Amino acid sequence: MINGKRVLIIIPAWNESGSIADVVAEVKGELPGVSVIVVDDGSTDDTAARAAAAGAIVARLPYNLGVGGAMRTGYRYARDHGFDVAIQVDADGQHDPRYIPKLVDALDEHDLVIGARFAGEGGYAVKGPRKWAMRLLSRVISWLAHARLTDTTSGHRACNRELIELFANWYPAEYLGDTIEVLVRTARMKYKITQIPVAMRPRMAGTPSNSPVKASIYLGRAGMVLLLALIRA
């Protein structure tokens, strides 16, 4: 429980054996009143076993669906077990659980809260094509949501019971759909969206993918995803 609300932390994980136990342990240590479910997205390593040993509920998918498919599984668990709030936390340790109570507090007046990396907290930065894409996405979605949103691709998000019901039945699995399309649709459905500043940390394990070519591909894909989201939502 956080502020009288039953909170579920959803951690989508694909081959994150190097960090998942530490992430679960940190969340449970910082927030002993919350439940944690790790959705093992078809991992080929021992992610599921390490998550379970750390004290998480584990749901195993038979093959890799991507973050969207894993999150939809988590939202279905939240719906079926009567949780008031569901919060996404990444399995690589970049999300600091100390910000979670602030996300929950913001749900008193909003339906969806984004933990924003570019809102004045911490030193997280991007550059080049990825930065251009993020700025374009933020401007368009801020206009749709009638709110200033600086980090529309952040996966650190909290939602209330009403959106848990929606996401359990509909949550896109396509590339960037779990970030961009979700925001476009919820904004057009007149749900209230806001953000709070959070500081991001380095990955606990693994190597982030950064290259000029991949950044340029990201720019093109992000534009296409936004266009499709605007057409379909």
Protein backbone atom coordinates (compact mmCIF):
# COMPACT_ATOMS: atom_id res chain seq x y z
CA MET A 1 0.00 0.00 0.00
CA ILE A 2 1.13 3.54 -0.81
CA ASN A 3 -1.14 6.33 0.44
CA GLY A 4 -4.00 3.89 0.84
CA LYS A 5 -3.66 2.47 -2.68
CA ARG A 6 -2.81 -1.11 -3.61
CA VAL A 7 0.21 -0.76 -5.88
CA LEU A 8 1.64 -3.29 -8.33
CA ILE A 9 5.09 -2.83 -9.81
CA ILE A 10 5.32 -4.42 -13.26
CA ILE A 11 8.81 -5.27 -14.51
CA PRO A 12 9.01 -6.51 -18.11
CA ALA A 13 12.23 -8.48 -18.51
CA TRP A 14 13.99 -10.17 -21.41
CA ASN A 15 17.36 -11.80 -20.66
CA GLU A 16 18.03 -9.55 -17.66
CA SER A 17 19.56 -12.16 -15.35
CA GLY A 18 22.45 -9.84 -14.55
CA SER A 19 20.25 -7.19 -12.93
CA ILE A 20 16.76 -8.52 -12.21
CA ALA A 21 17.42 -9.85 -8.70
CA ASP A 22 18.96 -6.55 -7.60
CA VAL A 23 16.10 -4.55 -9.13
CA VAL A 24 13.44 -6.64 -7.37
CA ALA A 25 15.34 -6.54 -4.07
CA GLU A 26 15.73 -2.75 -4.28
CA VAL A 27 12.05 -2.16 -5.03
CA LYS A 28 10.91 -4.44 -2.22
CA GLY A 29 13.42 -2.92 0.20
CA GLU A 30 12.47 0.65 -0.63
CA LEU A 31 8.71 -0.03 -0.84
CA PRO A 32 7.90 -3.03 1.37
CA GLY A 33 4.15 -2.53 1.00
CA VAL A 34 3.97 -3.05 -2.76
CA SER A 35 3.64 -6.18 -4.88
CA VAL A 36 6.13 -6.89 -7.67
CA ILE A 37 5.48 -8.96 -10.79
CA VAL A 38 8.24 -9.75 -13.26
CA VAL A 39 6.97 -10.67 -16.70
CA ASP A 40 9.66 -12.86 -18.23
CA ASP A 41 9.32 -12.09 -21.93
CA GLY A 42 10.57 -15.35 -23.38
CA SER A 43 14.06 -15.11 -21.85
CA THR A 44 16.65 -17.73 -22.74
CA ASP A 45 18.61 -17.18 -19.51
CA ASP A 46 17.61 -17.62 -15.85
CA THR A 47 15.83 -14.26 -15.49
CA ALA A 48 12.65 -15.94 -14.18
CA ALA A 49 14.44 -18.04 -11.57
CA ARG A 50 16.43 -15.08 -10.26
CA ALA A 51 13.33 -12.89 -10.08
CA ALA A 52 11.43 -15.55 -8.14
CA ALA A 53 14.35 -16.07 -5.76
CA ALA A 54 14.37 -12.32 -5.07
CA GLY A 55 10.72 -12.48 -4.02
CA ALA A 56 8.83 -11.38 -7.14
CA ILE A 57 5.70 -12.90 -8.61
CA VAL A 58 6.78 -14.26 -12.01
CA ALA A 59 4.73 -14.63 -15.18
CA ARG A 60 6.53 -16.44 -17.99
CA LEU A 61 5.68 -15.84 -21.64
CA PRO A 62 6.46 -18.73 -24.01
CA TYR A 63 8.23 -16.46 -26.50
CA ASN A 64 9.36 -12.88 -26.81
CA LEU A 65 6.48 -10.45 -27.39
CA GLY A 66 8.28 -7.19 -26.67
CA VAL A 67 7.66 -4.67 -23.90
CA GLY A 68 4.07 -4.01 -24.96
CA GLY A 69 3.05 -7.64 -24.82
CA ALA A 70 4.79 -8.12 -21.48
CA MET A 71 3.14 -5.04 -20.00
CA ARG A 72 -0.31 -6.16 -21.15
CA THR A 73 0.24 -9.38 -19.19
CA GLY A 74 1.15 -7.31 -16.14
CA TYR A 75 -1.92 -5.11 -16.50
CA ARG A 76 -4.14 -8.18 -16.73
CA TYR A 77 -2.68 -9.43 -13.47
CA ALA A 78 -3.31 -6.00 -11.90
CA ARG A 79 -6.91 -6.01 -13.13
CA ASP A 80 -7.65 -9.56 -12.01
CA HIS A 81 -6.20 -8.98 -8.54
CA GLY A 82 -7.84 -5.65 -7.81
CA PHE A 83 -4.85 -3.30 -7.76
CA ASP A 84 -5.52 0.45 -7.70
CA VAL A 85 -2.24 1.49 -9.31
CA ALA A 86 0.18 -0.17 -11.75
CA ILE A 87 3.69 1.17 -12.29
CA GLN A 88 6.21 0.11 -14.92
CA VAL A 89 9.82 -0.26 -13.78
CA ASP A 90 12.55 -1.35 -16.18
CA ALA A 91 14.56 -4.49 -15.41
CA ASP A 92 17.95 -2.87 -16.02
CA GLY A 93 17.96 -0.79 -12.84
CA GLN A 94 17.74 2.64 -14.45
CA HIS A 95 14.51 3.55 -12.63
CA ASP A 96 14.98 4.67 -9.03
CA PRO A 97 12.13 3.30 -6.85
CA ARG A 98 12.41 6.26 -4.48
CA TYR A 99 10.40 8.28 -7.01
CA ILE A 100 7.48 5.84 -7.04
CA PRO A 101 5.52 7.48 -4.16
CA LYS A 102 5.60 10.75 -6.12
CA LEU A 103 4.16 8.99 -9.16
CA VAL A 104 1.39 7.56 -6.98
CA ASP A 105 0.66 10.96 -5.41
CA ALA A 106 0.23 12.53 -8.85
CA LEU A 107 -2.51 10.01 -9.64
CA ASP A 108 -4.79 11.81 -7.18
CA GLU A 109 -5.52 14.32 -9.96
CA HIS A 110 -4.40 12.47 -13.10
CA ASP A 111 -4.92 9.12 -14.81
CA LEU A 112 -1.44 8.55 -16.23
CA VAL A 113 1.84 9.87 -14.81
CA ILE A 114 5.16 9.76 -16.66
CA GLY A 115 8.51 9.72 -14.88
CA ALA A 116 10.25 12.28 -17.10
CA ARG A 117 14.00 12.23 -17.66
CA PHE A 118 14.18 15.72 -19.20
CA ALA A 119 12.29 17.76 -16.62
CA GLY A 120 15.07 19.16 -14.49
CA GLU A 121 16.08 16.15 -12.38
CA GLY A 122 19.39 14.40 -12.93
CA GLY A 123 21.75 14.67 -15.88
CA TYR A 124 20.28 12.23 -18.40
CA ALA A 125 20.78 13.50 -21.95
CA VAL A 126 20.47 12.37 -25.55
CA LYS A 127 21.75 13.94 -28.75
CA GLY A 128 21.52 13.73 -32.50
CA PRO A 129 18.61 12.07 -34.33
CA ARG A 130 17.27 10.44 -31.16
CA LYS A 131 16.99 13.86 -29.50
CA TRP A 132 15.21 15.31 -32.54
CA ALA A 133 12.74 12.44 -32.57
CA MET A 134 12.00 12.80 -28.86
CA ARG A 135 11.39 16.54 -29.24
CA LEU A 136 8.99 16.01 -32.14
CA LEU A 137 7.08 13.33 -30.27
CA SER A 138 6.85 15.44 -27.14
CA ARG A 139 5.53 18.48 -28.98
CA VAL A 140 2.81 16.58 -30.81
CA ILE A 141 1.68 14.55 -27.81
CA SER A 142 1.81 17.59 -25.49
CA TRP A 143 -0.57 19.31 -27.89
CA LEU A 144 -2.92 16.32 -27.89
CA ALA A 145 -2.81 15.96 -24.09
CA HIS A 146 -3.07 19.68 -23.32
CA ALA A 147 -0.10 19.24 -20.97
CA ARG A 148 3.61 19.89 -21.17
CA LEU A 149 5.28 16.51 -21.65
CA THR A 150 9.02 16.45 -22.22
CA ASP A 151 9.68 12.70 -22.22
CA THR A 152 7.00 10.82 -24.10
CA THR A 153 9.16 7.73 -24.68
CA SER A 154 9.85 7.14 -20.99
CA GLY A 155 8.82 3.68 -19.85
CA HIS A 156 8.60 4.71 -16.20
CA ARG A 157 4.85 5.28 -15.82
CA ALA A 158 2.03 4.92 -13.35
CA CYS A 159 -1.67 4.55 -14.09
CA ASN A 160 -4.88 4.31 -12.11
CA ARG A 161 -7.52 1.60 -11.93
CA GLU A 162 -9.50 2.88 -14.91
CA LEU A 163 -6.46 2.73 -17.21
CA ILE A 164 -5.47 -0.66 -15.81
CA GLU A 165 -8.83 -1.91 -17.13
CA LEU A 166 -8.18 -0.31 -20.54
CA PHE A 167 -4.59 -1.54 -20.85
CA ALA A 168 -5.49 -5.08 -19.78
CA ASN A 169 -7.68 -5.32 -22.88
CA TRP A 170 -5.70 -3.07 -25.23
CA TYR A 171 -1.99 -2.42 -25.13
CA PRO A 172 0.03 -2.25 -28.34
CA ALA A 173 2.94 -4.61 -28.80
CA GLU A 174 4.44 -2.90 -31.86
CA TYR A 175 7.76 -1.03 -31.77
CA LEU A 176 7.33 2.13 -29.63
CA GLY A 177 3.60 1.45 -29.43
CA ASP A 178 3.84 0.93 -25.69
CA THR A 179 5.05 4.51 -25.32
CA ILE A 180 3.81 6.65 -28.22
CA GLU A 181 0.55 4.99 -29.26
CA VAL A 182 -0.54 4.58 -25.65
CA LEU A 183 -0.15 8.31 -25.04
CA VAL A 184 -1.92 9.28 -28.27
CA ARG A 185 -4.89 7.08 -27.50
CA THR A 186 -5.23 8.01 -23.83
CA ALA A 187 -4.95 11.70 -24.71
CA ARG A 188 -7.67 11.41 -27.35
CA MET A 189 -9.86 9.57 -24.87
CA LYS A 190 -9.55 12.65 -22.60
CA TYR A 191 -7.63 10.95 -19.81
CA LYS A 192 -5.48 13.33 -17.80
CA ILE A 193 -1.75 12.91 -18.36
CA THR A 194 1.07 14.59 -16.49
CA GLN A 195 4.74 14.07 -15.68
CA ILE A 196 7.05 14.39 -12.71
CA PRO A 197 10.83 14.79 -12.97
CA VAL A 198 12.94 11.72 -12.20
CA ALA A 199 16.66 11.03 -12.35
CA MET A 200 17.82 8.07 -14.40
CA ARG A 201 20.73 5.85 -13.40
CA PRO A 202 23.22 3.79 -15.42
CA ARG A 203 22.20 0.23 -16.27
CA MET A 204 23.08 -2.32 -13.60
CA ALA A 205 24.05 -4.82 -16.29
CA GLY A 206 24.24 -5.11 -20.05
CA THR A 207 25.34 -2.53 -22.60
CA PRO A 208 23.10 0.21 -24.00
CA SER A 209 22.87 0.41 -27.77
CA ASN A 210 24.19 3.75 -29.04
CA SER A 211 25.34 4.38 -32.58
CA PRO A 212 24.66 7.08 -35.23
CA VAL A 213 23.09 4.54 -37.58
CA LYS A 214 20.72 3.15 -34.94
CA ALA A 215 19.85 6.68 -33.83
CA SER A 216 18.90 7.60 -37.40
CA ILE A 217 16.79 4.46 -37.72
CA TYR A 218 15.11 5.38 -34.43
CA LEU A 219 14.22 8.82 -35.86
CA GLY A 220 12.55 7.31 -38.91
CA ARG A 221 10.71 4.64 -36.97
CA ALA A 222 9.50 7.09 -34.34
CA GLY A 223 8.01 9.31 -37.04
CA MET A 224 6.21 6.38 -38.63
CA VAL A 225 4.89 5.14 -35.28
CA LEU A 226 3.56 8.61 -34.45
CA LEU A 227 1.83 8.87 -37.84
CA LEU A 228 0.22 5.43 -37.47
CA ALA A 229 -0.84 6.23 -33.90
CA LEU A 230 -2.53 9.46 -35.03
CA ILE A 231 -4.36 7.58 -37.78
CA ARG A 232 -5.47 4.63 -35.65
CA ALA A 233 -6.23 6.27 -32.30
